[in-house]
PDB file of all heavy atoms in Angstrom:
ATOM      1  N   VAL A   1      -4.939  21.707  -5.390  1.00  0.00           N
ATOM      2  CA  VAL A   1      -3.852  21.523  -4.428  1.00  0.00           C
ATOM      3  C   VAL A   1      -3.508  22.834  -3.726  1.00  0.00           C
ATOM      4  O   VAL A   1      -3.153  22.849  -2.547  1.00  0.00           O
ATOM      5  CB  VAL A   1      -2.608  20.940  -5.135  1.00  0.00           C
ATOM      6  CG1 VAL A   1      -1.398  20.925  -4.215  1.00  0.00           C
ATOM      7  CG2 VAL A   1      -2.900  19.528  -5.625  1.00  0.00           C
ATOM      8  N   ALA A   2      -3.643  23.954  -4.433  1.00  0.00           N
ATOM      9  CA  ALA A   2      -3.260  25.255  -3.877  1.00  0.00           C
ATOM     10  C   ALA A   2      -3.999  25.593  -2.593  1.00  0.00           C
ATOM     11  O   ALA A   2      -3.478  26.304  -1.734  1.00  0.00           O
ATOM     12  CB  ALA A   2      -3.482  26.358  -4.906  1.00  0.00           C
ATOM     13  N   GLY A   3      -5.222  25.092  -2.427  1.00  0.00           N
ATOM     14  CA  GLY A   3      -6.006  25.438  -1.256  1.00  0.00           C
ATOM     15  C   GLY A   3      -5.806  24.512  -0.076  1.00  0.00           C
ATOM     16  O   GLY A   3      -6.436  24.699   0.979  1.00  0.00           O
ATOM     17  N   LEU A   4      -4.919  23.525  -0.194  1.00  0.00           N
ATOM     18  CA  LEU A   4      -4.733  22.545   0.869  1.00  0.00           C
ATOM     19  C   LEU A   4      -3.656  22.976   1.851  1.00  0.00           C
ATOM     20  O   LEU A   4      -2.705  23.685   1.477  1.00  0.00           O
ATOM     21  CB  LEU A   4      -4.336  21.192   0.271  1.00  0.00           C
ATOM     22  CG  LEU A   4      -5.325  20.534  -0.694  1.00  0.00           C
ATOM     23  CD1 LEU A   4      -4.738  19.218  -1.197  1.00  0.00           C
ATOM     24  CD2 LEU A   4      -6.669  20.318  -0.025  1.00  0.00           C
ATOM     25  N   PRO A   5      -3.748  22.550   3.123  1.00  0.00           N
ATOM     26  CA  PRO A   5      -2.648  22.773   4.070  1.00  0.00           C
ATOM     27  C   PRO A   5      -1.358  22.158   3.540  1.00  0.00           C
ATOM     28  O   PRO A   5      -1.383  21.184   2.767  1.00  0.00           O
ATOM     29  CB  PRO A   5      -3.128  22.060   5.336  1.00  0.00           C
ATOM     30  CG  PRO A   5      -4.609  22.005   5.208  1.00  0.00           C
ATOM     31  CD  PRO A   5      -4.893  21.856   3.740  1.00  0.00           C
ATOM     32  N   PHE A   6      -0.231  22.691   3.997  1.00  0.00           N
ATOM     33  CA  PHE A   6       1.065  22.287   3.451  1.00  0.00           C
ATOM     34  C   PHE A   6       1.318  20.790   3.621  1.00  0.00           C
ATOM     35  O   PHE A   6       1.844  20.131   2.728  1.00  0.00           O
ATOM     36  CB  PHE A   6       2.183  23.089   4.137  1.00  0.00           C
ATOM     37  CG  PHE A   6       3.532  22.894   3.516  1.00  0.00           C
ATOM     38  CD1 PHE A   6       3.780  23.316   2.225  1.00  0.00           C
ATOM     39  CD2 PHE A   6       4.550  22.284   4.227  1.00  0.00           C
ATOM     40  CE1 PHE A   6       5.029  23.140   1.645  1.00  0.00           C
ATOM     41  CE2 PHE A   6       5.801  22.101   3.668  1.00  0.00           C
ATOM     42  CZ  PHE A   6       6.041  22.536   2.370  1.00  0.00           C
ATOM     43  N   GLY A   7       0.929  20.240   4.773  1.00  0.00           N
ATOM     44  CA  GLY A   7       1.137  18.815   4.992  1.00  0.00           C
ATOM     45  C   GLY A   7       0.408  17.958   3.977  1.00  0.00           C
ATOM     46  O   GLY A   7       0.930  16.931   3.522  1.00  0.00           O
ATOM     47  N   TRP A   8      -0.797  18.361   3.602  1.00  0.00           N
ATOM     48  CA  TRP A   8      -1.556  17.632   2.586  1.00  0.00           C
ATOM     49  C   TRP A   8      -0.927  17.793   1.206  1.00  0.00           C
ATOM     50  O   TRP A   8      -0.939  16.863   0.400  1.00  0.00           O
ATOM     51  CB  TRP A   8      -2.999  18.114   2.572  1.00  0.00           C
ATOM     52  CG  TRP A   8      -3.788  17.591   3.725  1.00  0.00           C
ATOM     53  CD1 TRP A   8      -4.077  18.235   4.891  1.00  0.00           C
ATOM     54  CD2 TRP A   8      -4.358  16.283   3.847  1.00  0.00           C
ATOM     55  NE1 TRP A   8      -4.801  17.423   5.725  1.00  0.00           N
ATOM     56  CE2 TRP A   8      -4.999  16.221   5.114  1.00  0.00           C
ATOM     57  CE3 TRP A   8      -4.411  15.171   3.010  1.00  0.00           C
ATOM     58  CZ2 TRP A   8      -5.654  15.082   5.555  1.00  0.00           C
ATOM     59  CZ3 TRP A   8      -5.081  14.036   3.442  1.00  0.00           C
ATOM     60  CH2 TRP A   8      -5.693  13.997   4.705  1.00  0.00           C
ATOM     61  N   GLN A   9      -0.393  18.983   0.923  1.00  0.00           N
ATOM     62  CA  GLN A   9       0.286  19.175  -0.358  1.00  0.00           C
ATOM     63  C   GLN A   9       1.478  18.223  -0.493  1.00  0.00           C
ATOM     64  O   GLN A   9       1.726  17.660  -1.566  1.00  0.00           O
ATOM     65  CB  GLN A   9       0.752  20.629  -0.491  1.00  0.00           C
ATOM     66  CG  GLN A   9      -0.377  21.629  -0.640  1.00  0.00           C
ATOM     67  CD  GLN A   9       0.124  23.025  -0.933  1.00  0.00           C
ATOM     68  OE1 GLN A   9       1.159  23.209  -1.568  1.00  0.00           O
ATOM     69  NE2 GLN A   9      -0.603  24.028  -0.466  1.00  0.00           N
ATOM     70  N   LYS A  10       2.205  18.034   0.608  1.00  0.00           N
ATOM     71  CA  LYS A  10       3.341  17.107   0.567  1.00  0.00           C
ATOM     72  C   LYS A  10       2.869  15.679   0.338  1.00  0.00           C
ATOM     73  O   LYS A  10       3.522  14.889  -0.358  1.00  0.00           O
ATOM     74  CB  LYS A  10       4.139  17.202   1.867  1.00  0.00           C
ATOM     75  CG  LYS A  10       4.964  18.478   1.988  1.00  0.00           C
ATOM     76  CD  LYS A  10       6.288  18.215   2.650  1.00  0.00           C
ATOM     77  CE  LYS A  10       7.261  19.350   2.415  1.00  0.00           C
ATOM     78  NZ  LYS A  10       8.613  19.049   2.914  1.00  0.00           N
ATOM     79  N   ARG A  11       1.719  15.337   0.898  1.00  0.00           N
ATOM     80  CA  ARG A  11       1.167  13.997   0.699  1.00  0.00           C
ATOM     81  C   ARG A  11       0.774  13.803  -0.767  1.00  0.00           C
ATOM     82  O   ARG A  11       0.954  12.718  -1.330  1.00  0.00           O
ATOM     83  CB  ARG A  11      -0.034  13.800   1.620  1.00  0.00           C
ATOM     84  CG  ARG A  11      -0.535  12.385   1.689  1.00  0.00           C
ATOM     85  CD  ARG A  11      -1.537  12.202   2.807  1.00  0.00           C
ATOM     86  NE  ARG A  11      -0.909  12.201   4.111  1.00  0.00           N
ATOM     87  CZ  ARG A  11      -1.145  11.299   5.064  1.00  0.00           C
ATOM     88  NH1 ARG A  11      -2.017  10.334   4.843  1.00  0.00           N
ATOM     89  NH2 ARG A  11      -0.538  11.364   6.218  1.00  0.00           N
ATOM     90  N   VAL A  12       0.240  14.851  -1.390  1.00  0.00           N
ATOM     91  CA  VAL A  12      -0.120  14.775  -2.808  1.00  0.00           C
ATOM     92  C   VAL A  12       1.130  14.570  -3.660  1.00  0.00           C
ATOM     93  O   VAL A  12       1.132  13.771  -4.608  1.00  0.00           O
ATOM     94  CB  VAL A  12      -0.871  16.047  -3.250  1.00  0.00           C
ATOM     95  CG1 VAL A  12      -1.084  16.053  -4.765  1.00  0.00           C
ATOM     96  CG2 VAL A  12      -2.212  16.151  -2.533  1.00  0.00           C
ATOM     97  N   GLU A  13       2.200  15.282  -3.326  1.00  0.00           N
ATOM     98  CA  GLU A  13       3.435  15.121  -4.094  1.00  0.00           C
ATOM     99  C   GLU A  13       3.975  13.703  -3.960  1.00  0.00           C
ATOM    100  O   GLU A  13       4.466  13.112  -4.924  1.00  0.00           O
ATOM    101  CB  GLU A  13       4.486  16.139  -3.637  1.00  0.00           C
ATOM    102  CG  GLU A  13       5.729  16.087  -4.493  1.00  0.00           C
ATOM    103  CD  GLU A  13       6.712  17.196  -4.197  1.00  0.00           C
ATOM    104  OE1 GLU A  13       6.720  17.698  -3.060  1.00  0.00           O
ATOM    105  OE2 GLU A  13       7.484  17.552  -5.102  1.00  0.00           O
ATOM    106  N   LEU A  14       3.864  13.138  -2.750  1.00  0.00           N
ATOM    107  CA  LEU A  14       4.282  11.757  -2.558  1.00  0.00           C
ATOM    108  C   LEU A  14       3.422  10.817  -3.395  1.00  0.00           C
ATOM    109  O   LEU A  14       3.931   9.875  -4.021  1.00  0.00           O
ATOM    110  CB  LEU A  14       4.189  11.392  -1.078  1.00  0.00           C
ATOM    111  CG  LEU A  14       4.541   9.947  -0.718  1.00  0.00           C
ATOM    112  CD1 LEU A  14       5.969   9.623  -1.120  1.00  0.00           C
ATOM    113  CD2 LEU A  14       4.342   9.713   0.776  1.00  0.00           C
ATOM    114  N   ALA A  15       2.119  11.062  -3.428  1.00  0.00           N
ATOM    115  CA  ALA A  15       1.219  10.232  -4.238  1.00  0.00           C
ATOM    116  C   ALA A  15       1.597  10.300  -5.708  1.00  0.00           C
ATOM    117  O   ALA A  15       1.593   9.275  -6.412  1.00  0.00           O
ATOM    118  CB  ALA A  15      -0.226  10.688  -4.041  1.00  0.00           C
ATOM    119  N   ARG A  16       1.909  11.494  -6.182  1.00  0.00           N
ATOM    120  CA  ARG A  16       2.283  11.635  -7.592  1.00  0.00           C
ATOM    121  C   ARG A  16       3.559  10.862  -7.904  1.00  0.00           C
ATOM    122  O   ARG A  16       3.679  10.227  -8.961  1.00  0.00           O
ATOM    123  CB  ARG A  16       2.461  13.114  -7.940  1.00  0.00           C
ATOM    124  CG  ARG A  16       2.644  13.356  -9.431  1.00  0.00           C
ATOM    125  CD  ARG A  16       2.764  14.832  -9.736  1.00  0.00           C
ATOM    126  NE  ARG A  16       3.895  15.429  -9.039  1.00  0.00           N
ATOM    127  CZ  ARG A  16       4.173  16.728  -9.040  1.00  0.00           C
ATOM    128  NH1 ARG A  16       3.376  17.564  -9.676  1.00  0.00           N
ATOM    129  NH2 ARG A  16       5.225  17.195  -8.406  1.00  0.00           N
ATOM    130  N   ALA A  17       4.529  10.888  -6.976  1.00  0.00           N
ATOM    131  CA  ALA A  17       5.770  10.134  -7.176  1.00  0.00           C
ATOM    132  C   ALA A  17       5.493   8.634  -7.155  1.00  0.00           C
ATOM    133  O   ALA A  17       6.037   7.882  -7.974  1.00  0.00           O
ATOM    134  CB  ALA A  17       6.786  10.507  -6.104  1.00  0.00           C
ATOM    135  N   LEU A  18       4.646   8.177  -6.244  1.00  0.00           N
ATOM    136  CA  LEU A  18       4.318   6.759  -6.171  1.00  0.00           C
ATOM    137  C   LEU A  18       3.543   6.291  -7.403  1.00  0.00           C
ATOM    138  O   LEU A  18       3.609   5.113  -7.776  1.00  0.00           O
ATOM    139  CB  LEU A  18       3.509   6.469  -4.909  1.00  0.00           C
ATOM    140  CG  LEU A  18       4.274   6.498  -3.589  1.00  0.00           C
ATOM    141  CD1 LEU A  18       3.314   6.398  -2.416  1.00  0.00           C
ATOM    142  CD2 LEU A  18       5.309   5.371  -3.537  1.00  0.00           C
ATOM    143  N   ALA A  19       2.814   7.200  -8.045  1.00  0.00           N
ATOM    144  CA  ALA A  19       2.034   6.843  -9.232  1.00  0.00           C
ATOM    145  C   ALA A  19       2.908   6.442 -10.408  1.00  0.00           C
ATOM    146  O   ALA A  19       2.422   5.806 -11.353  1.00  0.00           O
ATOM    147  CB  ALA A  19       1.120   8.006  -9.633  1.00  0.00           C
ATOM    148  N   THR A  20       4.184   6.789 -10.368  1.00  0.00           N
ATOM    149  CA  THR A  20       5.107   6.383 -11.432  1.00  0.00           C
ATOM    150  C   THR A  20       5.575   4.941 -11.260  1.00  0.00           C
ATOM    151  O   THR A  20       6.363   4.451 -12.060  1.00  0.00           O
ATOM    152  CB  THR A  20       6.339   7.307 -11.484  1.00  0.00           C
ATOM    153  OG1 THR A  20       7.115   7.142 -10.282  1.00  0.00           O
ATOM    154  CG2 THR A  20       5.930   8.760 -11.634  1.00  0.00           C
ATOM    155  N   ASN A  21       5.093   4.281 -10.192  1.00  0.00           N
ATOM    156  CA  ASN A  21       5.456   2.890  -9.898  1.00  0.00           C
ATOM    157  C   ASN A  21       6.963   2.730  -9.714  1.00  0.00           C
ATOM    158  O   ASN A  21       7.606   1.907 -10.378  1.00  0.00           O
ATOM    159  CB  ASN A  21       4.959   1.953 -11.006  1.00  0.00           C
ATOM    160  CG  ASN A  21       5.049   0.490 -10.604  1.00  0.00           C
ATOM    161  OD1 ASN A  21       4.942   0.154  -9.424  1.00  0.00           O
ATOM    162  ND2 ASN A  21       5.254  -0.381 -11.584  1.00  0.00           N
ATOM    163  N   PRO A  22       7.561   3.488  -8.792  1.00  0.00           N
ATOM    164  CA  PRO A  22       9.011   3.441  -8.638  1.00  0.00           C
ATOM    165  C   PRO A  22       9.483   2.218  -7.860  1.00  0.00           C
ATOM    166  O   PRO A  22       8.775   1.706  -6.985  1.00  0.00           O
ATOM    167  CB  PRO A  22       9.302   4.713  -7.827  1.00  0.00           C
ATOM    168  CG  PRO A  22       8.074   4.884  -6.977  1.00  0.00           C
ATOM    169  CD  PRO A  22       6.932   4.439  -7.853  1.00  0.00           C
ATOM    170  N   ALA A  23      10.685   1.756  -8.188  1.00  0.00           N
ATOM    171  CA  ALA A  23      11.346   0.737  -7.371  1.00  0.00           C
ATOM    172  C   ALA A  23      11.997   1.396  -6.156  1.00  0.00           C
ATOM    173  O   ALA A  23      12.092   0.788  -5.089  1.00  0.00           O
ATOM    174  CB  ALA A  23      12.402   0.007  -8.195  1.00  0.00           C
ATOM    175  N   ILE A  24      12.453   2.632  -6.334  1.00  0.00           N
ATOM    176  CA  ILE A  24      13.054   3.412  -5.254  1.00  0.00           C
ATOM    177  C   ILE A  24      12.525   4.829  -5.336  1.00  0.00           C
ATOM    178  O   ILE A  24      12.293   5.355  -6.433  1.00  0.00           O
ATOM    179  CB  ILE A  24      14.600   3.402  -5.337  1.00  0.00           C
ATOM    180  CG1 ILE A  24      15.197   4.193  -4.164  1.00  0.00           C
ATOM    181  CG2 ILE A  24      15.110   3.933  -6.676  1.00  0.00           C
ATOM    182  CD1 ILE A  24      16.704   4.040  -4.041  1.00  0.00           C
ATOM    183  N   ILE A  25      12.296   5.432  -4.178  1.00  0.00           N
ATOM    184  CA  ILE A  25      11.847   6.813  -4.156  1.00  0.00           C
ATOM    185  C   ILE A  25      12.833   7.639  -3.338  1.00  0.00           C
ATOM    186  O   ILE A  25      13.296   7.216  -2.275  1.00  0.00           O
ATOM    187  CB  ILE A  25      10.412   6.930  -3.602  1.00  0.00           C
ATOM    188  CG1 ILE A  25       9.855   8.325  -3.832  1.00  0.00           C
ATOM    189  CG2 ILE A  25      10.327   6.520  -2.140  1.00  0.00           C
ATOM    190  CD1 ILE A  25       8.348   8.413  -3.668  1.00  0.00           C
ATOM    191  N   LEU A  26      13.206   8.785  -3.860  1.00  0.00           N
ATOM    192  CA  LEU A  26      14.135   9.710  -3.219  1.00  0.00           C
ATOM    193  C   LEU A  26      13.312  10.797  -2.543  1.00  0.00           C
ATOM    194  O   LEU A  26      12.660  11.588  -3.223  1.00  0.00           O
ATOM    195  CB  LEU A  26      15.080  10.320  -4.254  1.00  0.00           C
ATOM    196  CG  LEU A  26      15.678   9.364  -5.306  1.00  0.00           C
ATOM    197  CD1 LEU A  26      16.551  10.147  -6.295  1.00  0.00           C
ATOM    198  CD2 LEU A  26      16.479   8.251  -4.652  1.00  0.00           C
ATOM    199  N   LEU A  27      13.329  10.824  -1.225  1.00  0.00           N
ATOM    200  CA  LEU A  27      12.544  11.796  -0.462  1.00  0.00           C
ATOM    201  C   LEU A  27      13.448  12.927  -0.011  1.00  0.00           C
ATOM    202  O   LEU A  27      14.358  12.728   0.800  1.00  0.00           O
ATOM    203  CB  LEU A  27      11.897  11.124   0.754  1.00  0.00           C
ATOM    204  CG  LEU A  27      10.960   9.948   0.480  1.00  0.00           C
ATOM    205  CD1 LEU A  27      10.415   9.386   1.798  1.00  0.00           C
ATOM    206  CD2 LEU A  27       9.815  10.368  -0.434  1.00  0.00           C
ATOM    207  N   ASP A  28      13.208  14.125  -0.538  1.00  0.00           N
ATOM    208  CA  ASP A  28      14.048  15.288  -0.256  1.00  0.00           C
ATOM    209  C   ASP A  28      13.384  16.161   0.799  1.00  0.00           C
ATOM    210  O   ASP A  28      12.428  16.885   0.510  1.00  0.00           O
ATOM    211  CB  ASP A  28      14.268  16.082  -1.550  1.00  0.00           C
ATOM    212  CG  ASP A  28      15.311  17.181  -1.383  1.00  0.00           C
ATOM    213  OD1 ASP A  28      15.878  17.312  -0.277  1.00  0.00           O
ATOM    214  OD2 ASP A  28      15.561  17.904  -2.364  1.00  0.00           O
ATOM    215  N   GLU A  29      13.858  16.071   2.046  1.00  0.00           N
ATOM    216  CA  GLU A  29      13.355  16.870   3.168  1.00  0.00           C
ATOM    217  C   GLU A  29      11.824  16.792   3.283  1.00  0.00           C
ATOM    218  O   GLU A  29      11.135  17.819   3.326  1.00  0.00           O
ATOM    219  CB  GLU A  29      13.783  18.336   3.011  1.00  0.00           C
ATOM    220  CG  GLU A  29      15.286  18.557   2.932  1.00  0.00           C
ATOM    221  CD  GLU A  29      15.975  18.502   4.287  1.00  0.00           C
ATOM    222  OE1 GLU A  29      15.271  18.299   5.302  1.00  0.00           O
ATOM    223  OE2 GLU A  29      17.202  18.646   4.323  1.00  0.00           O
ATOM    224  N   PRO A  30      11.254  15.589   3.348  1.00  0.00           N
ATOM    225  CA  PRO A  30       9.791  15.489   3.393  1.00  0.00           C
ATOM    226  C   PRO A  30       9.177  16.058   4.671  1.00  0.00           C
ATOM    227  O   PRO A  30       7.988  16.384   4.687  1.00  0.00           O
ATOM    228  CB  PRO A  30       9.543  13.982   3.284  1.00  0.00           C
ATOM    229  CG  PRO A  30      10.774  13.358   3.847  1.00  0.00           C
ATOM    230  CD  PRO A  30      11.893  14.261   3.406  1.00  0.00           C
ATOM    231  N   ALA A  31       9.955  16.178   5.751  1.00  0.00           N
ATOM    232  CA  ALA A  31       9.410  16.689   7.016  1.00  0.00           C
ATOM    233  C   ALA A  31       9.461  18.206   7.110  1.00  0.00           C
ATOM    234  O   ALA A  31       8.927  18.780   8.059  1.00  0.00           O
ATOM    235  CB  ALA A  31      10.158  16.082   8.204  1.00  0.00           C
ATOM    236  N   GLY A  32      10.080  18.865   6.137  1.00  0.00           N
ATOM    237  CA  GLY A  32      10.186  20.320   6.171  1.00  0.00           C
ATOM    238  C   GLY A  32       8.825  20.993   6.208  1.00  0.00           C
ATOM    239  O   GLY A  32       7.969  20.724   5.373  1.00  0.00           O
ATOM    240  N   GLY A  33       8.605  21.869   7.189  1.00  0.00           N
ATOM    241  CA  GLY A  33       7.348  22.595   7.292  1.00  0.00           C
ATOM    242  C   GLY A  33       6.232  21.851   7.987  1.00  0.00           C
ATOM    243  O   GLY A  33       5.124  22.379   8.115  1.00  0.00           O
ATOM    244  N   LEU A  34       6.481  20.605   8.446  1.00  0.00           N
ATOM    245  CA  LEU A  34       5.451  19.823   9.105  1.00  0.00           C
ATOM    246  C   LEU A  34       5.516  20.013  10.623  1.00  0.00           C
ATOM    247  O   LEU A  34       6.587  20.241  11.186  1.00  0.00           O
ATOM    248  CB  LEU A  34       5.609  18.333   8.785  1.00  0.00           C
ATOM    249  CG  LEU A  34       5.590  17.932   7.305  1.00  0.00           C
ATOM    250  CD1 LEU A  34       5.663  16.415   7.179  1.00  0.00           C
ATOM    251  CD2 LEU A  34       4.350  18.473   6.596  1.00  0.00           C
ATOM    252  N   ASN A  35       4.377  19.898  11.278  1.00  0.00           N
ATOM    253  CA  ASN A  35       4.371  19.978  12.736  1.00  0.00           C
ATOM    254  C   ASN A  35       4.696  18.603  13.329  1.00  0.00           C
ATOM    255  O   ASN A  35       4.880  17.621  12.606  1.00  0.00           O
ATOM    256  CB  ASN A  35       3.032  20.507  13.258  1.00  0.00           C
ATOM    257  CG  ASN A  35       1.845  19.609  12.896  1.00  0.00           C
ATOM    258  OD1 ASN A  35       1.946  18.392  12.909  1.00  0.00           O
ATOM    259  ND2 ASN A  35       0.705  20.235  12.567  1.00  0.00           N
ATOM    260  N   HIS A  36       4.765  18.549  14.663  1.00  0.00           N
ATOM    261  CA  HIS A  36       5.207  17.323  15.334  1.00  0.00           C
ATOM    262  C   HIS A  36       4.328  16.126  14.981  1.00  0.00           C
ATOM    263  O   HIS A  36       4.841  15.042  14.659  1.00  0.00           O
ATOM    264  CB  HIS A  36       5.198  17.546  16.854  1.00  0.00           C
ATOM    265  CG  HIS A  36       5.555  16.324  17.638  1.00  0.00           C
ATOM    266  ND1 HIS A  36       6.854  15.859  17.744  1.00  0.00           N
ATOM    267  CD2 HIS A  36       4.780  15.441  18.345  1.00  0.00           C
ATOM    268  CE1 HIS A  36       6.867  14.751  18.486  1.00  0.00           C
ATOM    269  NE2 HIS A  36       5.635  14.483  18.860  1.00  0.00           N
ATOM    270  N   ASP A  37       3.019  16.303  15.026  1.00  0.00           N
ATOM    271  CA  ASP A  37       2.110  15.196  14.721  1.00  0.00           C
ATOM    272  C   ASP A  37       2.252  14.745  13.270  1.00  0.00           C
ATOM    273  O   ASP A  37       2.204  13.539  12.972  1.00  0.00           O
ATOM    274  CB  ASP A  37       0.659  15.598  15.000  1.00  0.00           C
ATOM    275  CG  ASP A  37       0.378  15.754  16.491  1.00  0.00           C
ATOM    276  OD1 ASP A  37       1.153  15.206  17.306  1.00  0.00           O
ATOM    277  OD2 ASP A  37      -0.609  16.430  16.842  1.00  0.00           O
ATOM    278  N   GLU A  38       2.424  15.709  12.362  1.00  0.00           N
ATOM    279  CA  GLU A  38       2.562  15.372  10.943  1.00  0.00           C
ATOM    280  C   GLU A  38       3.863  14.616  10.687  1.00  0.00           C
ATOM    281  O   GLU A  38       3.911  13.722   9.839  1.00  0.00           O
ATOM    282  CB  GLU A  38       2.502  16.639  10.098  1.00  0.00           C
ATOM    283  CG  GLU A  38       1.102  17.260  10.026  1.00  0.00           C
ATOM    284  CD  GLU A  38       1.098  18.625   9.368  1.00  0.00           C
ATOM    285  OE1 GLU A  38       2.136  19.332   9.426  1.00  0.00           O
ATOM    286  OE2 GLU A  38       0.053  19.011   8.811  1.00  0.00           O
ATOM    287  N   VAL A  39       4.930  14.971  11.423  1.00  0.00           N
ATOM    288  CA  VAL A  39       6.202  14.254  11.278  1.00  0.00           C
ATOM    289  C   VAL A  39       6.048  12.805  11.736  1.00  0.00           C
ATOM    290  O   VAL A  39       6.560  11.877  11.098  1.00  0.00           O
ATOM    291  CB  VAL A  39       7.326  14.964  12.055  1.00  0.00           C
ATOM    292  CG1 VAL A  39       8.592  14.104  12.079  1.00  0.00           C
ATOM    293  CG2 VAL A  39       7.640  16.319  11.431  1.00  0.00           C
ATOM    294  N   GLU A  40       5.329  12.598  12.838  1.00  0.00           N
ATOM    295  CA  GLU A  40       5.087  11.232  13.300  1.00  0.00           C
ATOM    296  C   GLU A  40       4.299  10.431  12.263  1.00  0.00           C
ATOM    297  O   GLU A  40       4.601   9.266  11.988  1.00  0.00           O
ATOM    298  CB  GLU A  40       4.343  11.245  14.632  1.00  0.00           C
ATOM    299  CG  GLU A  40       5.212  11.627  15.822  1.00  0.00           C
ATOM    300  CD  GLU A  40       4.538  11.313  17.146  1.00  0.00           C
ATOM    301  OE1 GLU A  40       3.369  10.863  17.124  1.00  0.00           O
ATOM    302  OE2 GLU A  40       5.180  11.499  18.194  1.00  0.00           O
ATOM    303  N   GLU A  41       3.280  11.058  11.672  1.00  0.00           N
ATOM    304  CA  GLU A  41       2.492  10.394  10.633  1.00  0.00           C
ATOM    305  C   GLU A  41       3.359  10.072   9.415  1.00  0.00           C
ATOM    306  O   GLU A  41       3.200   9.017   8.791  1.00  0.00           O
ATOM    307  CB  GLU A  41       1.325  11.284  10.212  1.00  0.00           C
ATOM    308  CG  GLU A  41       0.241  11.453  11.273  1.00  0.00           C
ATOM    309  CD  GLU A  41      -0.814  12.453  10.859  1.00  0.00           C
ATOM    310  OE1 GLU A  41      -0.740  12.959   9.718  1.00  0.00           O
ATOM    311  OE2 GLU A  41      -1.727  12.715  11.671  1.00  0.00           O
TER     312      GLU A  41
END
């Protein structure tokens, strides 16, 4: 993970949270550090 761009690292963290099979997920500033295209995605 250390060698990935920041946007991909955030996607990995989201994947790890989803892997817990949550009913609700709390997203804390997920757009921080992302560029315009990444925010749209």
